[in-house]
Amino acid sequence: MQRYLITLSYHGVCFAGSQKQPDVKTVYGLLEDALRNVFKQTTPCIPCGRTDTGVHALRSYCHFDIQFNFNISSVMHSLNSFLLTHGVFVHKIELVSADFHSLSSAYSRTYHYYFSTDVLPNYMYHSVTFLNRPLRFIPSQKELNILNGQRNFFSLCNPSSDAKTFIRNIYFTDITKQDYEALTGQFSTIYCFKITANGVLYKMVRHIVGLLLHSMLNFTNMYRLNDYLIINRPVGYTLAPVQGLHLAEVNYNNDTKVVME
């Protein structure tokens, strides 16, 4: 038995989430259908995690086990011929060590949240959140650092029965901006909030971004957000819209993610 790792990306607007579910279109359900068409057998995929309806992935991963060798280039071509019309693209298929696990071998995950106050080209509205009010300030790196560290995120998630603990550790946060030129020649400024953590709870990133955007739209600094995180002073905010959220990377320890030549 050999284990292979698939690296893929997808546009989440077409799917009812990434996790395989009966009677609905999902990313990994579709991928298993494509693998069954190629290999002529059922090939279960073990994903690196799950994303909700409408969430995109710049990079996602899954592994599968199979008993025979195959031509990787040919299989990738066949998969992408089927998957691309659904908004999924396979970047790589790699033979990995038998003790690698796409979910449990991951030590952190990075998410990007894209938003803009500029009018966007129509083809970007499913990928970038449009804010119809000007931002009052952009947090400095020092201000963003108040989000970092280990804490209980019970108040910044939708509690799920799957969660054994609400303690998570945020390693890194940042906000960048870029000028984007549309196909029509129109320019827009797009902001990207980046967050890396050892794991995320259900809708945790959207809660954090919602609270952050509330501060950026209504205040002139991060002090109210600091009050919420440190002394639990209530702040009313709206959950950030789903379309701006992208799983950017799943980070693996090179001791466990051993690619076989």
Protein backbone atom coordinates (compact mmCIF):
# COMPACT_ATOMS: atom_id res chain seq x y z
CA MET A 1 0.00 0.00 0.00
CA GLN A 2 1.34 3.43 -0.96
CA ARG A 3 0.29 6.84 0.32
CA TYR A 4 -0.05 9.88 -1.92
CA LEU A 5 -0.53 13.54 -1.03
CA ILE A 6 -2.68 15.78 -3.25
CA THR A 7 -2.18 19.56 -3.23
CA LEU A 8 -5.22 21.39 -4.58
CA SER A 9 -7.02 24.74 -4.64
CA TYR A 10 -10.70 25.54 -5.09
CA HIS A 11 -13.27 28.29 -5.42
CA GLY A 12 -15.73 27.62 -2.62
CA VAL A 13 -18.80 29.39 -4.01
CA CYS A 14 -19.73 26.26 -5.97
CA PHE A 15 -19.70 23.94 -2.95
CA ALA A 16 -21.59 23.15 0.24
CA GLY A 17 -18.27 23.07 2.06
CA SER A 18 -15.23 20.88 1.52
CA GLN A 19 -16.08 17.82 3.63
CA LYS A 20 -17.79 14.92 1.87
CA GLN A 21 -21.54 14.83 2.64
CA PRO A 22 -24.43 12.84 1.18
CA ASP A 23 -26.63 14.44 -1.48
CA VAL A 24 -24.74 17.76 -1.74
CA LYS A 25 -21.81 18.93 -3.85
CA THR A 26 -18.60 19.23 -1.82
CA VAL A 27 -14.94 19.58 -2.73
CA TYR A 28 -13.72 16.23 -1.46
CA GLY A 29 -16.85 14.42 -2.54
CA LEU A 30 -16.18 15.67 -6.08
CA LEU A 31 -12.49 14.76 -5.84
CA GLU A 32 -13.37 11.19 -4.79
CA ASP A 33 -15.74 10.96 -7.76
CA ALA A 34 -12.90 12.07 -10.05
CA LEU A 35 -10.47 9.55 -8.52
CA ARG A 36 -13.04 6.77 -8.91
CA ASN A 37 -13.40 7.63 -12.60
CA VAL A 38 -9.63 7.52 -13.07
CA PHE A 39 -8.74 4.47 -10.96
CA LYS A 40 -12.00 2.55 -11.50
CA GLN A 41 -12.26 1.91 -7.78
CA THR A 42 -13.35 3.72 -4.64
CA THR A 43 -10.47 5.84 -3.33
CA PRO A 44 -11.26 7.57 -0.01
CA CYS A 45 -9.48 10.89 0.61
CA ILE A 46 -8.39 12.08 4.06
CA PRO A 47 -8.46 15.91 3.96
CA CYS A 48 -6.34 18.32 5.98
CA GLY A 49 -9.49 19.73 7.55
CA ARG A 50 -12.74 21.23 6.38
CA THR A 51 -13.99 24.57 5.17
CA ASP A 52 -17.53 25.91 5.24
CA THR A 53 -19.84 26.73 2.36
CA GLY A 54 -18.38 29.57 0.30
CA VAL A 55 -14.85 29.43 1.78
CA HIS A 56 -12.07 29.20 -0.80
CA ALA A 57 -8.67 27.50 -0.66
CA LEU A 58 -5.46 28.81 -2.18
CA ARG A 59 -3.91 25.56 -0.95
CA SER A 60 -5.53 22.52 0.58
CA TYR A 61 -4.31 18.96 1.00
CA CYS A 62 -5.53 15.40 1.30
CA HIS A 63 -3.96 11.97 1.19
CA PHE A 64 -5.13 8.64 -0.16
CA ASP A 65 -3.80 5.09 -0.13
CA ILE A 66 -3.58 2.84 -3.18
CA GLN A 67 -2.09 -0.58 -3.91
CA PHE A 68 -0.53 0.05 -7.32
CA ASN A 69 1.78 2.47 -9.10
CA PHE A 70 0.43 5.02 -11.57
CA ASN A 71 1.66 7.78 -13.84
CA ILE A 72 1.26 10.95 -11.79
CA SER A 73 1.26 13.34 -14.77
CA SER A 74 -1.44 11.37 -16.58
CA VAL A 75 -3.63 11.14 -13.48
CA MET A 76 -3.26 14.88 -12.77
CA HIS A 77 -4.26 15.68 -16.35
CA SER A 78 -7.34 13.46 -16.10
CA LEU A 79 -8.35 14.88 -12.74
CA ASN A 80 -7.99 18.49 -13.84
CA SER A 81 -9.88 17.86 -17.08
CA PHE A 82 -12.87 16.98 -14.89
CA LEU A 83 -12.34 19.23 -11.86
CA LEU A 84 -11.48 22.57 -13.47
CA THR A 85 -15.02 23.11 -14.74
CA HIS A 86 -16.13 22.92 -11.09
CA GLY A 87 -13.54 25.40 -9.77
CA VAL A 88 -11.01 22.87 -8.44
CA PHE A 89 -7.38 22.49 -9.55
CA VAL A 90 -4.86 19.80 -8.57
CA HIS A 91 -1.37 21.31 -8.30
CA LYS A 92 0.63 18.25 -7.25
CA ILE A 93 0.40 14.57 -6.40
CA GLU A 94 3.34 13.27 -4.36
CA LEU A 95 4.28 9.91 -2.92
CA VAL A 96 4.76 10.38 0.83
CA SER A 97 5.81 8.23 3.75
CA ALA A 98 3.25 5.87 5.24
CA ASP A 99 3.22 7.68 8.59
CA PHE A 100 2.24 11.03 7.05
CA HIS A 101 -1.34 12.13 7.78
CA SER A 102 -2.79 15.18 6.05
CA LEU A 103 -4.84 16.16 9.11
CA SER A 104 -2.86 15.11 12.18
CA SER A 105 0.59 15.90 10.74
CA ALA A 106 -0.31 19.59 10.29
CA TYR A 107 1.07 21.91 12.96
CA SER A 108 -0.57 25.17 11.81
CA ARG A 109 -2.96 26.67 9.29
CA THR A 110 -2.87 30.06 7.59
CA TYR A 111 -5.98 31.91 6.44
CA HIS A 112 -6.26 35.07 4.34
CA TYR A 113 -9.27 37.38 4.43
CA TYR A 114 -9.58 39.82 1.50
CA PHE A 115 -11.64 43.01 1.70
CA SER A 116 -11.90 46.36 -0.07
CA THR A 117 -13.72 49.68 0.16
CA ASP A 118 -13.36 50.23 -3.59
CA VAL A 119 -15.89 49.17 -6.20
CA LEU A 120 -14.69 45.82 -7.49
CA PRO A 121 -15.03 44.16 -10.88
CA ASN A 122 -18.04 41.85 -10.91
CA TYR A 123 -15.97 38.65 -11.14
CA MET A 124 -14.35 39.34 -7.74
CA TYR A 125 -17.45 39.68 -5.58
CA HIS A 126 -17.33 36.00 -4.60
CA SER A 127 -13.68 36.27 -3.52
CA VAL A 128 -13.29 39.69 -1.87
CA THR A 129 -15.63 41.32 0.67
CA PHE A 130 -16.81 44.79 -0.34
CA LEU A 131 -17.21 47.32 2.49
CA ASN A 132 -19.45 50.24 1.54
CA ARG A 133 -17.96 52.56 4.17
CA PRO A 134 -14.44 54.03 4.41
CA LEU A 135 -12.01 52.59 6.93
CA ARG A 136 -11.14 54.96 9.78
CA PHE A 137 -7.70 53.44 10.40
CA ILE A 138 -5.43 50.53 9.47
CA PRO A 139 -3.99 48.69 12.49
CA SER A 140 -0.24 48.73 12.95
CA GLN A 141 1.65 45.49 13.46
CA LYS A 142 2.01 46.38 17.15
CA GLU A 143 -1.76 46.76 17.45
CA LEU A 144 -2.40 43.48 15.63
CA ASN A 145 -0.10 41.69 18.05
CA ILE A 146 -2.81 41.85 20.71
CA LEU A 147 -4.54 39.06 18.77
CA ASN A 148 -1.50 36.80 19.00
CA GLY A 149 -0.87 34.19 21.64
CA GLN A 150 -2.77 31.42 23.37
CA ARG A 151 -6.24 32.07 24.78
CA ASN A 152 -9.75 30.71 25.10
CA PHE A 153 -11.69 31.58 21.92
CA PHE A 154 -15.11 30.42 23.15
CA SER A 155 -16.56 33.93 22.63
CA LEU A 156 -15.00 34.20 19.15
CA CYS A 157 -16.46 31.13 17.49
CA ASN A 158 -19.72 29.28 16.94
CA PRO A 159 -19.45 26.52 19.58
CA SER A 160 -19.41 23.07 17.99
CA SER A 161 -19.82 19.63 19.48
CA ASP A 162 -16.58 18.64 17.71
CA ALA A 163 -14.47 20.99 19.83
CA LYS A 164 -12.75 19.30 22.77
CA THR A 165 -11.21 22.59 23.90
CA PHE A 166 -11.58 26.26 22.94
CA ILE A 167 -7.92 27.01 23.58
CA ARG A 168 -6.06 27.99 20.42
CA ASN A 169 -2.70 29.63 19.78
CA ILE A 170 -2.39 32.39 17.17
CA TYR A 171 1.20 32.59 15.95
CA PHE A 172 1.00 35.44 13.46
CA THR A 173 -1.29 38.20 12.19
CA ASP A 174 -0.74 40.88 9.58
CA ILE A 175 -2.60 43.23 7.23
CA THR A 176 -1.23 44.02 3.79
CA LYS A 177 -2.65 45.96 0.86
CA GLN A 178 -2.14 45.81 -2.87
CA ASP A 179 -3.34 47.70 -5.92
CA TYR A 180 -5.21 45.34 -8.21
CA GLU A 181 -5.69 46.07 -11.89
CA ALA A 182 -8.90 44.52 -13.26
CA LEU A 183 -9.28 43.10 -16.75
CA THR A 184 -10.99 46.36 -17.68
CA GLY A 185 -8.01 48.45 -16.52
CA GLN A 186 -9.82 49.60 -13.36
CA PHE A 187 -7.66 49.78 -10.20
CA SER A 188 -8.82 48.77 -6.73
CA THR A 189 -7.04 48.65 -3.39
CA ILE A 190 -7.50 45.26 -1.75
CA TYR A 191 -6.54 44.57 1.87
CA CYS A 192 -5.56 41.14 3.14
CA PHE A 193 -5.74 40.10 6.79
CA LYS A 194 -3.45 37.12 7.40
CA ILE A 195 -3.64 34.81 10.39
CA THR A 196 -1.69 31.67 11.30
CA ALA A 197 -2.75 29.48 14.22
CA ASN A 198 -2.25 25.95 15.49
CA GLY A 199 -5.91 25.34 14.69
CA VAL A 200 -9.18 27.20 14.29
CA LEU A 201 -12.63 26.69 15.75
CA TYR A 202 -15.89 26.78 13.81
CA LYS A 203 -16.17 30.26 12.21
CA MET A 204 -13.40 31.53 14.49
CA VAL A 205 -11.57 33.44 11.73
CA ARG A 206 -14.79 35.13 10.58
CA HIS A 207 -15.50 36.21 14.18
CA ILE A 208 -12.01 37.66 14.56
CA VAL A 209 -12.24 39.47 11.21
CA GLY A 210 -15.74 40.72 12.03
CA LEU A 211 -14.50 42.22 15.29
CA LEU A 212 -11.45 43.67 13.55
CA LEU A 213 -13.50 45.26 10.74
CA HIS A 214 -15.94 46.67 13.30
CA SER A 215 -13.02 48.48 14.95
CA MET A 216 -11.57 49.67 11.62
CA LEU A 217 -14.94 51.05 10.47
CA ASN A 218 -16.12 52.64 13.71
CA PHE A 219 -13.11 53.61 15.86
CA THR A 220 -9.71 55.20 15.36
CA ASN A 221 -7.60 52.56 17.12
CA MET A 222 -7.66 49.01 18.50
CA TYR A 223 -8.35 49.89 22.14
CA ARG A 224 -11.96 48.66 22.09
CA LEU A 225 -10.80 45.37 20.59
CA ASN A 226 -8.18 45.14 23.31
CA ASP A 227 -10.89 45.67 25.93
CA TYR A 228 -12.93 42.86 24.39
CA LEU A 229 -10.02 40.41 24.40
CA ILE A 230 -8.49 41.31 27.75
CA ILE A 231 -11.36 42.27 30.04
CA ASN A 232 -14.34 40.87 28.06
CA ARG A 233 -16.01 44.26 27.64
CA PRO A 234 -18.91 43.66 25.22
CA VAL A 235 -18.54 44.93 21.65
CA GLY A 236 -21.32 44.50 19.11
CA TYR A 237 -20.06 43.28 15.75
CA THR A 238 -21.22 41.33 12.71
CA LEU A 239 -19.73 38.04 11.58
CA ALA A 240 -17.47 38.76 8.58
CA PRO A 241 -19.04 37.70 5.26
CA VAL A 242 -17.83 34.34 4.01
CA GLN A 243 -16.71 35.32 0.51
CA GLY A 244 -13.47 37.01 1.60
CA LEU A 245 -12.14 33.96 3.46
CA HIS A 246 -9.44 31.77 1.90
CA LEU A 247 -7.50 28.86 3.38
CA ALA A 248 -4.01 29.95 2.29
CA GLU A 249 -1.74 27.18 3.55
CA VAL A 250 -1.53 24.15 5.80
CA ASN A 251 1.91 23.91 7.34
CA TYR A 252 3.55 20.54 7.91
CA ASN A 253 6.62 19.48 9.82
CA ASN A 254 9.25 18.27 7.37
CA ASP A 255 9.94 15.33 9.68
CA THR A 256 6.48 13.95 8.96
CA LYS A 257 5.89 15.25 5.42
CA VAL A 258 8.58 13.16 3.75
CA VAL A 259 8.17 13.18 -0.02
CA MET A 260 9.48 9.96 -1.54
CA GLU A 261 11.47 10.14 -4.75
